[in-house]
Amino acid sequence: MSRQARRKSNSGIYHLMLRGVNGQKVFEDEYDCRRIIETIHYYKPISKYQVYAYCLMSNHIHLLLRETEESISQAIKRISSSYVFWYNKKYHRKPRESRNN
């Protein structure tokens, strides 16, 4: 079942959560935590969001962001795709095979 579409915020501020599949850890060590923070700050001038707060847990991250010019969906796509690509490369993870095969 797909996720319900995010409702548009009047203020443009969103509480977002990015998490690992099946509760899997997404931050194995301190460097992983630094990497996600660096990734958030890297895309900030590109996506033009404002960061109000974040909280890193071992298997997820909470973000409080305000969208401006680019949609929050596109900004989160940039952040998560970049981090997942890096994480999979670092830990030699391969993409999951299609469930239809």
Protein backbone atom coordinates (compact mmCIF):
# COMPACT_ATOMS: atom_id res chain seq x y z
CA MET A 1 0.00 0.00 0.00
CA SER A 2 1.45 3.36 -0.97
CA ARG A 3 1.83 6.27 1.40
CA GLN A 4 -0.90 8.90 1.47
CA ALA A 5 0.09 12.17 -0.19
CA ARG A 6 1.50 14.83 2.13
CA ARG A 7 -0.93 17.66 2.83
CA LYS A 8 0.29 21.12 1.81
CA SER A 9 1.37 23.19 4.81
CA ASN A 10 0.14 26.78 4.97
CA SER A 11 3.36 27.79 6.72
CA GLY A 12 5.60 25.71 4.44
CA ILE A 13 7.08 24.03 7.53
CA TYR A 14 7.15 20.24 7.61
CA HIS A 15 8.13 17.62 10.16
CA LEU A 16 9.65 14.81 8.11
CA MET A 17 10.99 11.42 9.06
CA LEU A 18 13.37 9.34 6.99
CA ARG A 19 13.84 5.79 8.17
CA GLY A 20 15.53 2.54 7.28
CA VAL A 21 13.67 -0.35 5.70
CA ASN A 22 12.07 -2.61 8.34
CA GLY A 23 13.60 -0.54 11.13
CA GLN A 24 17.13 -1.20 9.87
CA LYS A 25 19.89 1.06 11.19
CA VAL A 26 20.78 3.91 8.87
CA PHE A 27 23.54 5.32 11.08
CA GLU A 28 26.12 2.68 11.98
CA ASP A 29 28.74 5.09 13.30
CA GLU A 30 29.49 8.77 13.99
CA TYR A 31 30.71 9.34 10.43
CA ASP A 32 27.33 8.23 9.05
CA CYS A 33 25.65 10.86 11.24
CA ARG A 34 28.03 13.54 10.03
CA ARG A 35 27.44 12.47 6.44
CA ILE A 36 23.65 12.96 6.58
CA ILE A 37 24.12 16.39 8.18
CA GLU A 38 26.62 17.33 5.47
CA THR A 39 24.16 16.10 2.84
CA ILE A 40 21.35 18.22 4.31
CA HIS A 41 23.59 21.29 4.28
CA TYR A 42 24.91 20.54 0.79
CA TYR A 43 21.43 20.61 -0.76
CA LYS A 44 20.23 23.61 1.26
CA PRO A 45 21.38 26.28 -1.27
CA ILE A 46 20.25 24.11 -4.19
CA SER A 47 16.75 23.33 -2.90
CA LYS A 48 16.53 26.57 -0.88
CA TYR A 49 14.87 25.01 2.18
CA GLN A 50 15.37 26.27 5.72
CA VAL A 51 16.48 23.83 8.41
CA TYR A 52 14.90 24.46 11.81
CA ALA A 53 15.87 21.26 13.61
CA TYR A 54 16.93 17.67 13.19
CA CYS A 55 17.24 14.64 15.45
CA LEU A 56 19.27 11.60 14.46
CA MET A 57 18.34 8.20 15.84
CA SER A 58 20.08 4.94 14.91
CA ASN A 59 17.34 3.88 12.47
CA HIS A 60 15.74 7.18 11.44
CA ILE A 61 16.02 10.95 11.33
CA HIS A 62 13.50 13.65 12.15
CA LEU A 63 13.73 16.91 10.19
CA LEU A 64 11.92 20.19 10.63
CA LEU A 65 12.24 22.03 7.32
CA ARG A 66 10.56 24.93 5.60
CA GLU A 67 10.16 24.75 1.85
CA THR A 68 10.64 27.91 -0.18
CA GLU A 69 11.21 27.70 -3.94
CA GLU A 70 11.48 23.94 -4.45
CA SER A 71 8.89 21.48 -3.16
CA ILE A 72 9.74 19.68 0.05
CA SER A 73 9.21 16.38 -1.79
CA GLN A 74 11.94 17.20 -4.29
CA ALA A 75 14.29 18.37 -1.54
CA ILE A 76 13.80 15.18 0.48
CA LYS A 77 14.28 13.11 -2.65
CA ARG A 78 17.66 14.79 -3.19
CA ILE A 79 18.77 14.26 0.42
CA SER A 80 17.59 10.68 0.79
CA SER A 81 18.79 9.50 -2.63
CA SER A 82 22.23 10.97 -2.06
CA TYR A 83 22.60 9.46 1.42
CA VAL A 84 21.24 6.03 0.42
CA PHE A 85 23.60 5.87 -2.57
CA TRP A 86 26.57 6.74 -0.31
CA TYR A 87 25.45 4.37 2.48
CA ASN A 88 24.98 1.42 0.11
CA LYS A 89 28.39 2.00 -1.42
CA LYS A 90 30.10 2.31 1.99
CA TYR A 91 28.52 -0.86 3.36
CA HIS A 92 28.65 -2.82 0.06
CA ARG A 93 24.88 -3.20 -0.05
CA LYS A 94 23.14 -4.18 -3.25
CA PRO A 95 19.62 -3.05 -4.24
CA ARG A 96 16.85 -5.43 -3.28
CA GLU A 97 15.68 -7.63 -6.13
CA SER A 98 12.21 -7.09 -7.47
CA ARG A 99 9.54 -8.97 -5.53
CA ASN A 100 7.87 -9.91 -8.82
CA ASN A 101 10.82 -12.07 -9.95
